[in-house]
Protein backbone atom coordinates (compact mmCIF):
# COMPACT_ATOMS: atom_id res chain seq x y z
CA UNK A 1 109.24 100.69 72.32
CA UNK A 2 106.35 98.24 71.65
CA UNK A 3 107.95 95.59 73.66
CA UNK A 4 108.16 98.00 76.76
CA UNK A 5 104.57 99.07 76.18
CA UNK A 6 103.44 95.48 75.98
CA UNK A 7 105.17 94.63 79.23
CA UNK A 8 103.83 97.56 81.06
CA UNK A 9 100.24 96.85 79.73
CA UNK A 10 100.49 93.31 80.98
CA UNK A 11 101.82 94.46 84.47
CA UNK A 12 99.14 97.07 84.81
CA UNK A 13 96.24 94.60 83.94
CA UNK A 14 97.71 91.93 86.31
CA UNK A 15 97.63 94.52 89.06
CA UNK A 16 93.81 94.68 88.33
CA UNK A 17 93.42 90.85 88.76
CA UNK A 18 93.81 89.79 85.17
CA UNK A 19 96.17 86.87 84.05
CA UNK A 20 97.58 86.29 80.58
CA UNK A 21 96.42 83.63 78.16
CA UNK A 22 97.88 82.66 74.81
CA UNK A 23 94.48 81.36 73.63
CA UNK A 24 92.30 84.20 71.97
CA UNK A 25 89.18 82.01 72.23
CA UNK A 26 89.59 81.95 76.01
CA UNK A 27 90.42 85.62 76.51
CA UNK A 28 88.14 88.26 78.12
CA UNK A 29 90.20 91.11 77.00
CA UNK A 30 92.41 91.15 73.67
CA UNK A 31 94.74 94.05 73.10
CA UNK A 32 96.65 94.61 69.90
CA UNK A 33 99.69 96.76 70.39
CA UNK A 34 100.39 98.55 67.09
CA UNK A 35 103.04 100.32 65.14
CA UNK A 36 102.40 102.71 62.11
CA UNK A 37 105.86 103.50 60.90
CA UNK A 38 105.14 101.70 57.73
CA UNK A 39 102.02 101.25 55.62
CA UNK A 40 102.44 97.37 55.59
CA UNK A 41 102.39 97.39 59.51
CA UNK A 42 99.13 99.33 59.48
CA UNK A 43 97.60 97.00 56.96
CA UNK A 44 98.68 93.96 59.04
CA UNK A 45 96.89 95.56 62.15
CA UNK A 46 93.56 95.53 60.30
CA UNK A 47 94.06 92.12 58.94
CA UNK A 48 94.78 90.69 62.35
CA UNK A 49 91.79 92.58 63.81
CA UNK A 50 89.55 90.78 61.32
CA UNK A 51 91.01 87.50 62.39
CA UNK A 52 90.51 88.21 66.02
CA UNK A 53 86.94 89.34 65.45
CA UNK A 54 86.15 85.91 64.09
CA UNK A 55 88.19 83.90 66.77
CA UNK A 56 87.17 85.67 70.03
CA UNK A 57 84.33 84.68 72.22
CA UNK A 58 81.31 86.97 71.88
CA UNK A 59 81.69 88.49 75.31
CA UNK A 60 85.33 89.39 74.98
CA UNK A 61 86.41 92.90 74.73
CA UNK A 62 89.07 93.88 72.14
CA UNK A 63 90.70 96.98 70.74
CA UNK A 64 93.99 98.57 69.56
CA UNK A 65 96.57 100.64 71.39
CA UNK A 66 99.65 102.44 70.06
CA UNK A 67 100.45 104.44 66.85
CA UNK A 68 97.87 102.82 64.56
CA UNK A 69 95.26 103.82 67.08
CA UNK A 70 96.42 107.33 66.92
CA UNK A 71 96.68 107.34 63.11
CA UNK A 72 93.28 105.91 62.56
CA UNK A 73 91.24 107.50 65.40
CA UNK A 74 87.52 107.17 65.22
CA UNK A 75 87.87 105.66 61.74
CA UNK A 76 89.05 102.41 63.51
CA UNK A 77 85.56 102.01 64.88
CA UNK A 78 84.06 102.47 61.30
CA UNK A 79 86.37 99.80 59.86
CA UNK A 80 85.92 97.32 62.85
CA UNK A 81 82.58 98.18 64.45
CA UNK A 82 82.98 95.62 67.16
CA UNK A 83 86.06 97.34 68.63
CA UNK A 84 85.74 98.46 72.21
CA UNK A 85 88.60 100.78 72.64
CA UNK A 86 91.14 102.74 70.49
CA UNK A 87 93.95 104.30 72.60
CA UNK A 88 96.97 106.16 71.47
CA UNK A 89 100.46 105.35 72.55
CA UNK A 90 100.29 107.80 75.52
CA UNK A 91 96.85 106.70 76.62
CA UNK A 92 97.12 102.95 77.26
CA UNK A 93 97.15 103.59 81.11
CA UNK A 94 93.28 104.17 80.64
CA UNK A 95 92.66 100.52 79.86
CA UNK A 96 91.40 99.84 83.45
CA UNK A 97 88.41 102.04 82.55
CA UNK A 98 87.28 99.31 80.13
CA UNK A 99 87.37 96.67 82.89
CA UNK A 100 85.21 98.93 85.16
CA UNK A 101 82.67 99.84 82.56
CA UNK A 102 82.90 97.20 79.63
CA UNK A 103 79.80 98.71 77.87
CA UNK A 104 81.57 101.96 77.06
CA UNK A 105 83.50 102.34 73.89
CA UNK A 106 86.66 104.17 74.77
CA UNK A 107 88.46 106.49 72.25
CA UNK A 108 91.54 108.38 73.51
CA UNK A 109 94.12 109.40 71.07
CA UNK A 110 95.34 112.69 72.73
CA UNK A 111 99.03 113.19 72.66
CA UNK A 112 99.23 114.25 76.19
CA UNK A 113 102.48 114.25 77.96
CA UNK A 114 104.35 111.84 80.19
CA UNK A 115 101.28 111.19 82.35
CA UNK A 116 101.28 107.44 81.57
CA UNK A 117 104.65 106.90 83.36
CA UNK A 118 103.12 108.25 86.60
CA UNK A 119 99.90 106.10 86.18
CA UNK A 120 101.66 102.73 85.56
CA UNK A 121 102.58 100.43 88.41
CA UNK A 122 106.20 99.45 88.80
CA UNK A 123 107.10 96.10 87.39
CA UNK A 124 107.57 93.49 90.32
CA UNK A 125 109.68 90.90 88.29
CA UNK A 126 111.83 92.47 85.44
CA UNK A 127 112.90 90.71 82.41
CA UNK A 128 116.74 90.00 82.04
CA UNK A 129 116.73 92.84 79.49
CA UNK A 130 114.87 95.88 80.78
CA UNK A 131 113.62 98.54 78.43
CA UNK A 132 113.54 101.97 80.01
CA UNK A 133 112.10 104.89 77.95
CA UNK A 134 113.70 108.16 78.59
CA UNK A 135 111.64 110.24 76.27
CA UNK A 136 108.64 110.38 74.08
CA UNK A 137 108.19 111.86 70.58
CA UNK A 138 110.56 113.54 68.27
CA UNK A 139 111.39 117.06 67.04
CA UNK A 140 113.43 116.26 63.98
CA UNK A 141 110.38 115.84 61.60
CA UNK A 142 111.93 113.71 59.01
CA UNK A 143 109.57 114.15 55.94
CA UNK A 144 108.97 110.41 55.72
CA UNK A 145 108.14 109.76 59.40
CA UNK A 146 104.85 109.67 61.01
CA UNK A 147 106.28 109.64 64.66
CA UNK A 148 105.81 113.37 65.32
CA UNK A 149 102.04 112.86 64.64
CA UNK A 150 101.64 109.57 66.45
CA UNK A 151 104.00 110.19 69.42
CA UNK A 152 104.10 114.00 69.50
CA UNK A 153 106.87 116.51 70.13
CA UNK A 154 109.86 115.43 72.06
CA UNK A 155 109.69 115.22 75.81
CA UNK A 156 112.42 113.89 78.05
CA UNK A 157 111.39 112.18 81.28
CA UNK A 158 112.71 113.55 84.68
CA UNK A 159 116.28 112.21 85.40
CA UNK A 160 115.29 110.80 88.79
CA UNK A 161 112.23 109.01 87.46
CA UNK A 162 114.42 107.24 84.89
CA UNK A 163 117.06 106.23 87.44
CA UNK A 164 114.39 104.98 89.82
CA UNK A 165 113.11 102.71 86.90
CA UNK A 166 116.56 101.53 86.39
CA UNK A 167 117.17 100.72 90.14
CA UNK A 168 113.70 99.01 90.22
CA UNK A 169 114.63 96.92 87.19
CA UNK A 170 117.98 96.07 88.74
CA UNK A 171 116.49 95.00 91.96
CA UNK A 172 113.83 92.81 90.22
CA UNK A 173 116.17 90.69 87.84
CA UNK A 174 117.44 92.76 85.03
CA UNK A 175 121.10 92.55 84.28
CA UNK A 176 120.88 94.62 81.04
CA UNK A 177 119.35 98.02 80.42
CA UNK A 178 118.26 99.33 77.08
CA UNK A 179 117.33 102.98 77.03
CA UNK A 180 114.56 103.84 74.52
CA UNK A 181 113.49 106.87 72.62
CA UNK A 182 112.61 108.02 69.18
CA UNK A 183 115.54 110.35 69.43
CA UNK A 184 117.21 108.67 72.39
CA UNK A 185 120.58 110.52 72.38
CA UNK A 186 118.76 113.74 72.30
CA UNK A 187 117.62 113.30 75.94
CA UNK A 188 117.88 116.51 77.85
CA UNK A 189 116.32 117.28 81.29
CA UNK A 190 116.96 120.21 83.36
CA UNK A 191 115.95 119.76 87.08
CA UNK A 192 114.84 122.28 89.73
CA UNK A 193 118.43 123.27 90.45
CA UNK A 194 118.89 124.18 86.74
CA UNK A 195 121.25 121.14 86.35
CA UNK A 196 121.16 119.68 82.73
CA UNK A 197 121.19 115.83 82.40
CA UNK A 198 122.10 114.08 79.13
CA UNK A 199 122.02 110.41 78.17
CA UNK A 200 125.65 110.19 79.25
CA UNK A 201 124.55 111.01 82.70
CA UNK A 202 122.01 108.30 82.78
CA UNK A 203 124.54 105.92 81.50
CA UNK A 204 127.04 106.77 84.12
CA UNK A 205 124.68 106.47 86.95
CA UNK A 206 123.21 103.11 85.75
CA UNK A 207 126.64 101.57 85.55
CA UNK A 208 126.95 102.21 89.30
CA UNK A 209 124.34 99.42 89.79
CA UNK A 210 126.28 96.29 90.49
CA UNK A 211 123.35 94.14 89.11
CA UNK A 212 123.51 95.76 85.73
CA UNK A 213 126.30 94.32 83.52
CA UNK A 214 125.28 95.53 80.05
CA UNK A 215 123.94 99.03 78.88
CA UNK A 216 122.82 100.09 75.41
CA UNK A 217 120.41 102.49 73.72
CA UNK A 218 118.25 102.88 70.59
CA UNK A 219 117.58 104.66 68.34
CA UNK A 220 120.22 107.39 67.89
CA UNK A 221 120.19 110.45 65.71
CA UNK A 222 123.55 111.49 64.10
CA UNK A 223 123.81 115.11 65.14
CA UNK A 224 122.90 114.27 68.67
CA UNK A 225 125.99 112.01 69.10
CA UNK A 226 127.81 114.56 71.36
CA UNK A 227 131.23 114.31 72.40
CA UNK A 228 130.18 113.44 76.06
CA UNK A 229 128.30 110.55 74.78
CA UNK A 230 130.94 109.42 72.43
CA UNK A 231 133.47 109.53 75.28
CA UNK A 232 131.24 107.11 77.29
CA UNK A 233 132.12 104.35 74.72
CA UNK A 234 135.68 104.62 75.88
CA UNK A 235 135.26 105.01 79.57
CA UNK A 236 132.29 102.89 80.46
CA UNK A 237 133.01 99.11 79.95
CA UNK A 238 129.36 98.32 80.76
CA UNK A 239 128.23 100.20 77.54
CA UNK A 240 128.19 97.77 74.73
CA UNK A 241 130.53 98.26 71.86
CA UNK A 242 127.57 98.56 69.42
CA UNK A 243 125.57 101.46 68.19
CA UNK A 244 122.57 101.72 65.86
CA UNK A 245 122.98 105.12 64.13
CA UNK A 246 120.55 105.54 61.18
CA UNK A 247 121.70 107.08 57.97
CA UNK A 248 118.66 106.26 55.83
CA UNK A 249 120.46 107.26 52.51
CA UNK A 250 123.98 107.91 51.27
CA UNK A 251 122.89 110.72 48.92
CA UNK A 252 123.20 114.34 50.31
CA UNK A 253 120.44 115.41 47.95
CA UNK A 254 118.05 112.66 49.16
CA UNK A 255 118.96 113.37 52.79
CA UNK A 256 118.13 117.02 52.29
CA UNK A 257 114.70 115.95 50.86
CA UNK A 258 114.26 113.62 53.90
CA UNK A 259 115.11 116.66 56.25
CA UNK A 260 117.98 114.59 57.61
CA UNK A 261 121.60 115.65 58.18
CA UNK A 262 123.16 115.64 54.66
CA UNK A 263 126.74 116.27 55.76
CA UNK A 264 128.18 112.76 55.14
CA UNK A 265 131.58 113.92 56.23
CA UNK A 266 130.14 114.78 59.67
CA UNK A 267 128.56 111.28 59.91
CA UNK A 268 131.79 109.74 58.91
CA UNK A 269 133.74 111.85 61.55
CA UNK A 270 131.35 110.62 64.24
CA UNK A 271 132.22 106.96 63.27
CA UNK A 272 135.96 107.88 63.36
CA UNK A 273 135.56 109.47 66.78
CA UNK A 274 133.81 106.39 68.13
CA UNK A 275 136.31 103.97 66.90
CA UNK A 276 139.07 106.15 68.27
CA UNK A 277 137.74 105.75 71.70
CA UNK A 278 136.53 102.28 71.27
CA UNK A 279 138.30 100.43 68.49
CA UNK A 280 136.13 97.38 68.71
CA UNK A 281 132.85 99.28 68.43
CA UNK A 282 130.54 98.26 65.45
CA UNK A 283 127.79 100.30 63.82
CA UNK A 284 124.39 99.36 62.46
CA UNK A 285 121.92 101.59 60.49
CA UNK A 286 118.61 101.84 58.89
CA UNK A 287 118.01 102.46 55.22
CA UNK A 288 115.14 103.74 53.14
CA UNK A 289 115.28 102.91 49.37
CA UNK A 290 113.02 104.46 46.58
CA UNK A 291 112.48 107.86 48.50
CA UNK A 292 110.58 110.25 46.10
CA UNK A 293 112.92 111.50 43.29
CA UNK A 294 115.64 109.05 44.12
CA UNK A 295 117.63 108.25 40.96
CA UNK A 296 120.21 105.62 40.09
CA UNK A 297 122.98 107.98 41.18
CA UNK A 298 121.56 108.62 44.62
CA UNK A 299 121.03 104.96 45.11
CA UNK A 300 124.69 104.20 44.05
CA UNK A 301 125.65 106.69 46.99
CA UNK A 302 123.72 104.69 49.36
CA UNK A 303 125.55 101.49 48.24
CA UNK A 304 128.76 103.27 48.57
CA UNK A 305 128.13 104.36 52.13
CA UNK A 306 127.05 100.84 53.07
CA UNK A 307 130.33 99.51 51.60
CA UNK A 308 132.59 102.19 53.37
CA UNK A 309 131.06 102.08 56.86
CA UNK A 310 130.66 98.24 56.69
CA UNK A 311 127.48 98.14 58.85
CA UNK A 312 127.36 94.78 60.81
CA UNK A 313 123.64 94.77 60.87
CA UNK A 314 121.02 96.97 59.27
CA UNK A 315 117.29 97.27 58.65
CA UNK A 316 116.46 98.34 55.15
CA UNK A 317 112.93 99.14 53.78
CA UNK A 318 111.23 100.41 50.59
CA UNK A 319 109.94 103.93 51.15
CA UNK A 320 106.29 103.75 52.33
CA UNK A 321 104.19 106.85 52.00
CA UNK A 322 102.49 107.75 55.50
CA UNK A 323 99.65 110.14 56.17
CA UNK A 324 100.46 113.33 57.79
CA UNK A 325 103.93 113.36 56.30
CA UNK A 326 105.50 115.85 53.79
CA UNK A 327 107.14 113.06 51.69
CA UNK A 328 103.70 111.58 50.83
CA UNK A 329 102.80 114.78 48.97
CA UNK A 330 106.10 114.95 47.10
CA UNK A 331 106.40 114.57 43.26
CA UNK A 332 108.26 111.83 41.45
CA UNK A 333 107.08 108.85 43.69
CA UNK A 334 109.26 105.86 42.85
CA UNK A 335 107.48 102.72 41.26
CA UNK A 336 107.31 99.51 43.57
CA UNK A 337 109.22 97.54 40.88
CA UNK A 338 112.23 100.04 41.07
CA UNK A 339 112.01 100.03 44.86
CA UNK A 340 112.10 96.24 44.88
CA UNK A 341 115.28 96.14 42.65
CA UNK A 342 117.07 98.57 44.75
CA UNK A 343 116.26 97.04 47.97
CA UNK A 344 117.46 93.67 46.66
CA UNK A 345 120.80 95.31 45.61
CA UNK A 346 121.11 97.12 49.02
CA UNK A 347 120.22 94.05 50.97
CA UNK A 348 122.92 91.98 49.09
CA UNK A 349 125.50 94.50 50.13
CA UNK A 350 124.34 94.55 53.85
CA UNK A 351 124.20 90.82 53.95
CA UNK A 352 127.78 90.55 52.61
CA UNK A 353 128.91 93.12 55.34
CA UNK A 354 127.08 91.09 57.94
CA UNK A 355 128.37 87.77 56.76
CA UNK A 356 132.04 89.15 56.73
CA UNK A 357 131.71 90.41 60.36
CA UNK A 358 130.14 87.30 61.62
CA UNK A 359 132.85 85.16 59.97
CA UNK A 360 135.51 87.30 61.55
CA UNK A 361 134.10 86.40 65.05
CA UNK A 362 135.00 82.81 64.67
CA UNK A 363 137.59 81.69 67.29
CA UNK A 364 136.79 84.84 69.52
CA UNK A 365 135.53 84.45 73.15
CA UNK A 366 132.66 86.75 73.95
CA UNK A 367 130.63 87.45 77.05
CA UNK A 368 127.14 86.74 75.98
CA UNK A 369 123.60 87.23 77.41
CA UNK A 370 121.31 84.11 77.49
CA UNK A 371 117.88 84.75 76.01
CA UNK A 372 116.50 81.22 76.84
CA UNK A 373 115.89 78.11 74.79
CA UNK A 374 115.23 77.82 71.09
CA UNK A 375 112.01 76.31 69.74
CA UNK A 376 113.50 72.79 69.77
CA UNK A 377 114.49 73.11 73.36
CA UNK A 378 117.91 71.56 72.45
CA UNK A 379 119.67 74.83 72.26
CA UNK A 380 120.05 78.14 74.04
CA UNK A 381 120.04 81.46 72.31
CA UNK A 382 122.50 84.08 73.31
CA UNK A 383 123.20 87.74 72.30
CA UNK A 384 126.76 88.79 71.86
CA UNK A 385 127.88 92.33 72.77
CA UNK A 386 127.26 93.20 69.13
CA UNK A 387 123.55 91.81 69.39
CA UNK A 388 124.27 89.01 67.05
CA UNK A 389 122.42 85.84 67.85
CA UNK A 390 124.62 82.87 68.96
CA UNK A 391 123.15 79.33 69.07
CA UNK A 392 124.64 77.09 71.70
CA UNK A 393 123.96 73.41 72.60
CA UNK A 394 122.02 73.33 75.90
CA UNK A 395 124.18 72.03 78.73
CA UNK A 396 122.95 69.49 81.30
CA UNK A 397 123.75 71.83 84.08
CA UNK A 398 122.49 75.27 85.34
CA UNK A 399 124.11 78.30 83.90
CA UNK A 400 124.10 82.09 84.79
CA UNK A 401 122.53 84.53 82.37
CA UNK A 402 125.97 85.92 81.37
CA UNK A 403 128.38 83.34 79.89
CA UNK A 404 131.60 83.35 78.11
CA UNK A 405 131.12 81.74 74.80
CA UNK A 406 133.72 80.60 72.11
CA UNK A 407 132.47 81.29 68.64
CA UNK A 408 132.81 78.21 66.50
CA UNK A 409 130.86 79.04 63.33
CA UNK A 410 128.88 81.71 61.57
CA UNK A 411 126.61 82.45 58.77
CA UNK A 412 124.80 85.68 57.69
CA UNK A 413 122.07 85.45 60.24
CA UNK A 414 123.66 84.04 63.35
CA UNK A 415 126.70 82.50 65.12
CA UNK A 416 127.27 79.12 66.65
CA UNK A 417 129.34 78.54 69.75
CA UNK A 418 130.21 76.74 72.86
CA UNK A 419 130.09 77.58 76.59
CA UNK A 420 133.46 77.96 78.15
CA UNK A 421 133.37 76.40 81.67
């Protein structure tokens, strides 16, 4: 979501005559786009703001947008008095006001609705991978999650608006579409004729665009994996055989405390259904260790689900108390030392899963998407249909963005391959 917001902010400011620079000391306007999902991320924001304050030229305007802006509000001006603007994730379309009147300090952290999508100009040149938000906010209210506070309640964008964004991206260079939402598979929009549209309808219509070759979505919620969406994995070849479906914990007791679905059999049945319609599909997940009152037995259940599902790529974190969340007020908070030990054990299991799957890919031929050169300039970076990074020697001839790659080697983090001519 932040990648998308950054792209749209840049496009909006360019339409007002600004150009991008990588040099902070040369910039007239500096924007820090922020995430508040973990405490560490918020701390890094203020650390970065301190560095920017020292590095920028005196006349430069700077501020924060996104979830930390919403979380901090007017307090951000107290911590960093030199800030010129603090704009929440649904208010960054107001940045041109700063350009018009640089002497005004702008604070806007209202949740609002979907107005920013109407205000933003269309992108005139799309990246190869186009991120298309289809909703804002979330209604599930997991007890650890700050999103309902920073992004608000769940709102689905009009179906036609989303499809127009898809077509514009396809016409301006995109060959992969990634649908975004805090609860992306919960997308529901009813039009003026009382017709209900779901994520499966967006995928079906997007697949009709000949320019679009790959479709994916993130992040999904288990109970929103409806049968119509599961069936899409079996009927639409452009939909990648890869799904991020966070489970967070393998303990039903902890899941209940998290206000997450605690029916592990229901979760496992979804995975079985997906593999029945698309045998080559692979699953990734998110995990939180050290949630309040988590004991050794709860943690062992998390290790067991990681072993059983064999997630090929996962994000795992120590529980981080966030303001405005119920879990931050719970008793029996877990010590950082115990969290660290548990995270290390879980990461060891997840790394083993990832290494095992990567190794199983050796010898396979995959249609992969080129992301561009690596830092050395001697190799190209590709993404497989399972979102693995594949490193390939840069050829001495032009290639198309999609290439068939033969996987020749693998480690935990990435693959090696060669282009099949």
